[in-house]
């Protein structure tokens, strides 16, 4: 189903896990789950963008994270 979307899919590896952990202090008051932080952590990688329909993600400004709202 994702093949037709031309997405750059990336594995969630140890580097991504550490970044997700580091994002905890910045997102603690926003109600972000581990999955949310994992997605945003992958978006920190060069050329990475987190796609979301959750407007709260766009409201939380994190210098390292690129977010694109899909609706």
PDB file of N, CA and C in Angstrom:
ATOM      1  N   UNK A   1       0.820  -1.185   0.000  1.00  0.00           N
ATOM      2  CA  UNK A   1       0.000   0.000   0.000  1.00  0.00           C
ATOM      3  C   UNK A   1       0.875   1.264   0.000  1.00  0.00           C
ATOM      4  N   UNK A   2       2.030   1.220   0.647  1.00  0.00           N
ATOM      5  CA  UNK A   2       2.907   2.391   0.721  1.00  0.00           C
ATOM      6  C   UNK A   2       3.739   2.597  -0.539  1.00  0.00           C
ATOM      7  N   UNK A   3       3.897   1.545  -1.348  1.00  0.00           N
ATOM      8  CA  UNK A   3       4.753   1.636  -2.526  1.00  0.00           C
ATOM      9  C   UNK A   3       4.353   2.767  -3.467  1.00  0.00           C
ATOM     10  N   UNK A   4       3.088   3.020  -3.637  1.00  0.00           N
ATOM     11  CA  UNK A   4       2.622   4.046  -4.556  1.00  0.00           C
ATOM     12  C   UNK A   4       2.797   5.461  -4.047  1.00  0.00           C
ATOM     13  N   UNK A   5       3.194   5.618  -2.802  1.00  0.00           N
ATOM     14  CA  UNK A   5       3.323   6.957  -2.213  1.00  0.00           C
ATOM     15  C   UNK A   5       4.716   7.559  -2.373  1.00  0.00           C
ATOM     16  N   UNK A   6       5.663   6.808  -2.882  1.00  0.00           N
ATOM     17  CA  UNK A   6       7.024   7.290  -3.092  1.00  0.00           C
ATOM     18  C   UNK A   6       7.610   7.902  -1.811  1.00  0.00           C
ATOM     19  N   UNK A   7       7.514   7.153  -0.711  1.00  0.00           N
ATOM     20  CA  UNK A   7       8.040   7.596   0.580  1.00  0.00           C
ATOM     21  C   UNK A   7       9.448   7.050   0.795  1.00  0.00           C
ATOM     22  N   UNK A   8      10.241   7.786   1.539  1.00  0.00           N
ATOM     23  CA  UNK A   8      11.565   7.342   1.943  1.00  0.00           C
ATOM     24  C   UNK A   8      11.407   6.653   3.296  1.00  0.00           C
ATOM     25  N   UNK A   9      11.265   5.332   3.296  1.00  0.00           N
ATOM     26  CA  UNK A   9      11.079   4.578   4.528  1.00  0.00           C
ATOM     27  C   UNK A   9      12.430   4.269   5.150  1.00  0.00           C
ATOM     28  N   UNK A  10      12.533   4.467   6.471  1.00  0.00           N
ATOM     29  CA  UNK A  10      13.798   4.266   7.175  1.00  0.00           C
ATOM     30  C   UNK A  10      13.605   3.339   8.359  1.00  0.00           C
ATOM     31  N   UNK A  11      14.617   2.520   8.659  1.00  0.00           N
ATOM     32  CA  UNK A  11      14.511   1.625   9.818  1.00  0.00           C
ATOM     33  C   UNK A  11      14.670   2.409  11.123  1.00  0.00           C
ATOM     34  N   UNK A  12      14.005   1.938  12.151  1.00  0.00           N
ATOM     35  CA  UNK A  12      14.155   2.528  13.477  1.00  0.00           C
ATOM     36  C   UNK A  12      15.274   1.760  14.169  1.00  0.00           C
ATOM     37  N   UNK A  13      16.462   2.333  14.142  1.00  0.00           N
ATOM     38  CA  UNK A  13      17.645   1.672  14.680  1.00  0.00           C
ATOM     39  C   UNK A  13      18.050   2.295  16.015  1.00  0.00           C
ATOM     40  N   UNK A  14      19.231   1.934  16.495  1.00  0.00           N
ATOM     41  CA  UNK A  14      19.701   2.443  17.788  1.00  0.00           C
ATOM     42  C   UNK A  14      19.824   3.958  17.786  1.00  0.00           C
ATOM     43  N   UNK A  15      20.315   4.537  16.696  1.00  0.00           N
ATOM     44  CA  UNK A  15      20.428   6.002  16.627  1.00  0.00           C
ATOM     45  C   UNK A  15      19.060   6.661  16.769  1.00  0.00           C
ATOM     46  N   UNK A  16      18.074   6.126  16.066  1.00  0.00           N
ATOM     47  CA  UNK A  16      16.720   6.659  16.167  1.00  0.00           C
ATOM     48  C   UNK A  16      16.153   6.521  17.570  1.00  0.00           C
ATOM     49  N   UNK A  17      16.475   5.411  18.231  1.00  0.00           N
ATOM     50  CA  UNK A  17      15.995   5.190  19.598  1.00  0.00           C
ATOM     51  C   UNK A  17      16.585   6.218  20.561  1.00  0.00           C
ATOM     52  N   UNK A  18      17.869   6.528  20.409  1.00  0.00           N
ATOM     53  CA  UNK A  18      18.486   7.533  21.274  1.00  0.00           C
ATOM     54  C   UNK A  18      17.882   8.920  21.032  1.00  0.00           C
ATOM     55  N   UNK A  19      17.631   9.243  19.772  1.00  0.00           N
ATOM     56  CA  UNK A  19      17.020  10.536  19.461  1.00  0.00           C
ATOM     57  C   UNK A  19      15.618  10.607  20.042  1.00  0.00           C
ATOM     58  N   UNK A  20      14.852   9.524  19.908  1.00  0.00           N
ATOM     59  CA  UNK A  20      13.504   9.489  20.477  1.00  0.00           C
ATOM     60  C   UNK A  20      13.558   9.687  21.990  1.00  0.00           C
ATOM     61  N   UNK A  21      14.534   9.073  22.633  1.00  0.00           N
ATOM     62  CA  UNK A  21      14.698   9.250  24.074  1.00  0.00           C
ATOM     63  C   UNK A  21      15.038  10.691  24.430  1.00  0.00           C
ATOM     64  N   UNK A  22      15.903  11.302  23.632  1.00  0.00           N
ATOM     65  CA  UNK A  22      16.275  12.701  23.873  1.00  0.00           C
ATOM     66  C   UNK A  22      15.081  13.642  23.692  1.00  0.00           C
ATOM     67  N   UNK A  23      14.158  13.280  22.806  1.00  0.00           N
ATOM     68  CA  UNK A  23      12.984  14.129  22.563  1.00  0.00           C
ATOM     69  C   UNK A  23      11.988  14.091  23.723  1.00  0.00           C
ATOM     70  N   UNK A  24      12.151  13.133  24.632  1.00  0.00           N
ATOM     71  CA  UNK A  24      11.187  12.998  25.729  1.00  0.00           C
ATOM     72  C   UNK A  24      11.088  14.271  26.565  1.00  0.00           C
ATOM     73  N   UNK A  25      12.221  14.850  26.915  1.00  0.00           N
ATOM     74  CA  UNK A  25      12.172  16.051  27.769  1.00  0.00           C
ATOM     75  C   UNK A  25      11.529  17.229  27.039  1.00  0.00           C
ATOM     76  N   UNK A  26      11.717  17.304  25.712  1.00  0.00           N
ATOM     77  CA  UNK A  26      11.150  18.412  24.936  1.00  0.00           C
ATOM     78  C   UNK A  26       9.660  18.241  24.657  1.00  0.00           C
ATOM     79  N   UNK A  27       9.177  17.002  24.712  1.00  0.00           N
ATOM     80  CA  UNK A  27       7.777  16.735  24.355  1.00  0.00           C
ATOM     81  C   UNK A  27       6.944  16.258  25.539  1.00  0.00           C
ATOM     82  N   UNK A  28       7.527  16.203  26.714  1.00  0.00           N
ATOM     83  CA  UNK A  28       6.850  15.634  27.892  1.00  0.00           C
ATOM     84  C   UNK A  28       5.482  16.264  28.137  1.00  0.00           C
ATOM     85  N   UNK A  29       5.371  17.580  28.071  1.00  0.00           N
ATOM     86  CA  UNK A  29       4.113  18.257  28.356  1.00  0.00           C
ATOM     87  C   UNK A  29       3.121  18.236  27.212  1.00  0.00           C
ATOM     88  N   UNK A  30       3.505  17.659  26.069  1.00  0.00           N
ATOM     89  CA  UNK A  30       2.649  17.664  24.891  1.00  0.00           C
ATOM     90  C   UNK A  30       1.872  16.368  24.700  1.00  0.00           C
ATOM     91  N   UNK A  31       2.120  15.377  25.546  1.00  0.00           N
ATOM     92  CA  UNK A  31       1.400  14.114  25.457  1.00  0.00           C
ATOM     93  C   UNK A  31       1.885  13.199  24.333  1.00  0.00           C
ATOM     94  N   UNK A  32       3.099  13.401  23.861  1.00  0.00           N
ATOM     95  CA  UNK A  32       3.623  12.573  22.785  1.00  0.00           C
ATOM     96  C   UNK A  32       3.966  11.184  23.309  1.00  0.00           C
ATOM     97  N   UNK A  33       3.599  10.171  22.553  1.00  0.00           N
ATOM     98  CA  UNK A  33       3.897   8.787  22.925  1.00  0.00           C
ATOM     99  C   UNK A  33       5.298   8.405  22.435  1.00  0.00           C
ATOM    100  N   UNK A  34       5.739   7.220  22.804  1.00  0.00           N
ATOM    101  CA  UNK A  34       7.010   6.718  22.309  1.00  0.00           C
ATOM    102  C   UNK A  34       6.970   6.619  20.786  1.00  0.00           C
ATOM    103  N   UNK A  35       5.850   6.168  20.240  1.00  0.00           N
ATOM    104  CA  UNK A  35       5.711   6.078  18.784  1.00  0.00           C
ATOM    105  C   UNK A  35       5.825   7.437  18.114  1.00  0.00           C
ATOM    106  N   UNK A  36       5.217   8.449  18.727  1.00  0.00           N
ATOM    107  CA  UNK A  36       5.320   9.815  18.201  1.00  0.00           C
ATOM    108  C   UNK A  36       6.770  10.273  18.187  1.00  0.00           C
ATOM    109  N   UNK A  37       7.464  10.034  19.295  1.00  0.00           N
ATOM    110  CA  UNK A  37       8.860  10.454  19.387  1.00  0.00           C
ATOM    111  C   UNK A  37       9.741   9.655  18.436  1.00  0.00           C
ATOM    112  N   UNK A  38       9.412   8.371  18.228  1.00  0.00           N
ATOM    113  CA  UNK A  38      10.177   7.548  17.286  1.00  0.00           C
ATOM    114  C   UNK A  38      10.044   8.109  15.872  1.00  0.00           C
ATOM    115  N   UNK A  39       8.854   8.464  15.482  1.00  0.00           N
ATOM    116  CA  UNK A  39       8.624   9.036  14.158  1.00  0.00           C
ATOM    117  C   UNK A  39       9.375  10.351  13.999  1.00  0.00           C
ATOM    118  N   UNK A  40       9.274  11.190  14.994  1.00  0.00           N
ATOM    119  CA  UNK A  40       9.980  12.480  14.925  1.00  0.00           C
ATOM    120  C   UNK A  40      11.484  12.281  14.970  1.00  0.00           C
ATOM    121  N   UNK A  41      11.940  11.275  15.713  1.00  0.00           N
ATOM    122  CA  UNK A  41      13.371  10.990  15.769  1.00  0.00           C
ATOM    123  C   UNK A  41      13.926  10.587  14.417  1.00  0.00           C
ATOM    124  N   UNK A  42      13.163   9.827  13.648  1.00  0.00           N
ATOM    125  CA  UNK A  42      13.605   9.457  12.308  1.00  0.00           C
ATOM    126  C   UNK A  42      13.629  10.664  11.386  1.00  0.00           C
ATOM    127  N   UNK A  43      12.759  11.630  11.633  1.00  0.00           N
ATOM    128  CA  UNK A  43      12.708  12.830  10.794  1.00  0.00           C
ATOM    129  C   UNK A  43      13.917  13.737  11.015  1.00  0.00           C
ATOM    130  N   UNK A  44      14.659  13.515  12.083  1.00  0.00           N
ATOM    131  CA  UNK A  44      15.859  14.311  12.361  1.00  0.00           C
ATOM    132  C   UNK A  44      16.975  13.961  11.375  1.00  0.00           C
ATOM    133  N   UNK A  45      16.960  12.748  10.866  1.00  0.00           N
ATOM    134  CA  UNK A  45      18.004  12.318   9.944  1.00  0.00           C
ATOM    135  C   UNK A  45      18.021  13.217   8.708  1.00  0.00           C
ATOM    136  N   UNK A  46      19.180  13.368   8.078  1.00  0.00           N
ATOM    137  CA  UNK A  46      19.266  14.225   6.891  1.00  0.00           C
ATOM    138  C   UNK A  46      18.209  13.866   5.845  1.00  0.00           C
ATOM    139  N   UNK A  47      17.457  14.851   5.426  1.00  0.00           N
ATOM    140  CA  UNK A  47      16.413  14.652   4.427  1.00  0.00           C
ATOM    141  C   UNK A  47      15.127  14.078   4.978  1.00  0.00           C
ATOM    142  N   UNK A  48      15.087  13.821   6.289  1.00  0.00           N
ATOM    143  CA  UNK A  48      13.913  13.210   6.890  1.00  0.00           C
ATOM    144  C   UNK A  48      12.799  14.204   7.146  1.00  0.00           C
ATOM    145  N   UNK A  49      11.570  13.763   6.954  1.00  0.00           N
ATOM    146  CA  UNK A  49      10.384  14.570   7.231  1.00  0.00           C
ATOM    147  C   UNK A  49       9.343  13.655   7.864  1.00  0.00           C
ATOM    148  N   UNK A  50       8.761  14.081   8.961  1.00  0.00           N
ATOM    149  CA  UNK A  50       7.679  13.330   9.600  1.00  0.00           C
ATOM    150  C   UNK A  50       6.356  13.784   8.997  1.00  0.00           C
ATOM    151  N   UNK A  51       5.617  12.850   8.408  1.00  0.00           N
ATOM    152  CA  UNK A  51       4.300  13.149   7.871  1.00  0.00           C
ATOM    153  C   UNK A  51       3.259  12.842   8.932  1.00  0.00           C
ATOM    154  N   UNK A  52       2.327  13.762   9.143  1.00  0.00           N
ATOM    155  CA  UNK A  52       1.301  13.561  10.160  1.00  0.00           C
ATOM    156  C   UNK A  52       0.031  14.320   9.812  1.00  0.00           C
ATOM    157  N   UNK A  53      -1.065  13.837  10.365  1.00  0.00           N
ATOM    158  CA  UNK A  53      -2.331  14.548  10.261  1.00  0.00           C
ATOM    159  C   UNK A  53      -2.652  15.229  11.591  1.00  0.00           C
ATOM    160  N   UNK A  54      -1.752  15.115  12.555  1.00  0.00           N
ATOM    161  CA  UNK A  54      -1.948  15.670  13.898  1.00  0.00           C
ATOM    162  C   UNK A  54      -1.411  17.098  13.961  1.00  0.00           C
ATOM    163  N   UNK A  55      -2.308  18.065  14.027  1.00  0.00           N
ATOM    164  CA  UNK A  55      -1.911  19.476  14.024  1.00  0.00           C
ATOM    165  C   UNK A  55      -1.057  19.835  15.231  1.00  0.00           C
ATOM    166  N   UNK A  56      -1.164  19.082  16.327  1.00  0.00           N
ATOM    167  CA  UNK A  56      -0.355  19.357  17.519  1.00  0.00           C
ATOM    168  C   UNK A  56       1.130  19.208  17.211  1.00  0.00           C
ATOM    169  N   UNK A  57       1.471  18.334  16.270  1.00  0.00           N
ATOM    170  CA  UNK A  57       2.876  18.154  15.909  1.00  0.00           C
ATOM    171  C   UNK A  57       3.450  19.427  15.314  1.00  0.00           C
ATOM    172  N   UNK A  58       2.668  20.100  14.503  1.00  0.00           N
ATOM    173  CA  UNK A  58       3.143  21.324  13.855  1.00  0.00           C
ATOM    174  C   UNK A  58       3.287  22.464  14.856  1.00  0.00           C
ATOM    175  N   UNK A  59       2.496  22.422  15.924  1.00  0.00           N
ATOM    176  CA  UNK A  59       2.544  23.480  16.935  1.00  0.00           C
ATOM    177  C   UNK A  59       3.791  23.376  17.801  1.00  0.00           C
ATOM    178  N   UNK A  60       4.317  22.172  17.961  1.00  0.00           N
ATOM    179  CA  UNK A  60       5.500  21.962  18.786  1.00  0.00           C
ATOM    180  C   UNK A  60       6.734  22.147  17.924  1.00  0.00           C
ATOM    181  N   UNK A  61       7.427  23.231  18.119  1.00  0.00           N
ATOM    182  CA  UNK A  61       8.595  23.555  17.305  1.00  0.00           C
ATOM    183  C   UNK A  61       9.845  22.941  17.924  1.00  0.00           C
ATOM    184  N   UNK A  62      10.455  22.038  17.186  1.00  0.00           N
ATOM    185  CA  UNK A  62      11.726  21.444  17.590  1.00  0.00           C
ATOM    186  C   UNK A  62      12.705  21.702  16.462  1.00  0.00           C
ATOM    187  N   UNK A  63      13.793  22.370  16.750  1.00  0.00           N
ATOM    188  CA  UNK A  63      14.741  22.786  15.728  1.00  0.00           C
ATOM    189  C   UNK A  63      15.191  21.671  14.798  1.00  0.00           C
ATOM    190  N   UNK A  64      15.371  20.502  15.341  1.00  0.00           N
ATOM    191  CA  UNK A  64      15.960  19.417  14.560  1.00  0.00           C
ATOM    192  C   UNK A  64      14.948  18.651  13.726  1.00  0.00           C
ATOM    193  N   UNK A  65      13.649  18.851  13.951  1.00  0.00           N
ATOM    194  CA  UNK A  65      12.638  17.977  13.371  1.00  0.00           C
ATOM    195  C   UNK A  65      11.839  18.688  12.285  1.00  0.00           C
ATOM    196  N   UNK A  66      11.772  18.052  11.107  1.00  0.00           N
ATOM    197  CA  UNK A  66      10.959  18.566  10.013  1.00  0.00           C
ATOM    198  C   UNK A  66       9.620  17.838  10.023  1.00  0.00           C
ATOM    199  N   UNK A  67       8.528  18.582  10.058  1.00  0.00           N
ATOM    200  CA  UNK A  67       7.181  18.019  10.099  1.00  0.00           C
ATOM    201  C   UNK A  67       6.371  18.568   8.939  1.00  0.00           C
ATOM    202  N   UNK A  68       5.611  17.700   8.287  1.00  0.00           N
ATOM    203  CA  UNK A  68       4.713  18.131   7.219  1.00  0.00           C
ATOM    204  C   UNK A  68       3.316  17.598   7.514  1.00  0.00           C
ATOM    205  N   UNK A  69       2.341  18.499   7.598  1.00  0.00           N
ATOM    206  CA  UNK A  69       0.950  18.095   7.789  1.00  0.00           C
ATOM    207  C   UNK A  69       0.394  17.580   6.468  1.00  0.00           C
ATOM    208  N   UNK A  70      -0.331  16.464   6.522  1.00  0.00           N
ATOM    209  CA  UNK A  70      -0.862  15.875   5.299  1.00  0.00           C
ATOM    210  C   UNK A  70      -2.319  16.261   5.046  1.00  0.00           C
ATOM    211  N   UNK A  71      -2.903  17.013   5.962  1.00  0.00           N
ATOM    212  CA  UNK A  71      -4.255  17.548   5.719  1.00  0.00           C
ATOM    213  C   UNK A  71      -4.471  18.764   6.561  1.00  0.00           C
TER     214      UNK A  71
END
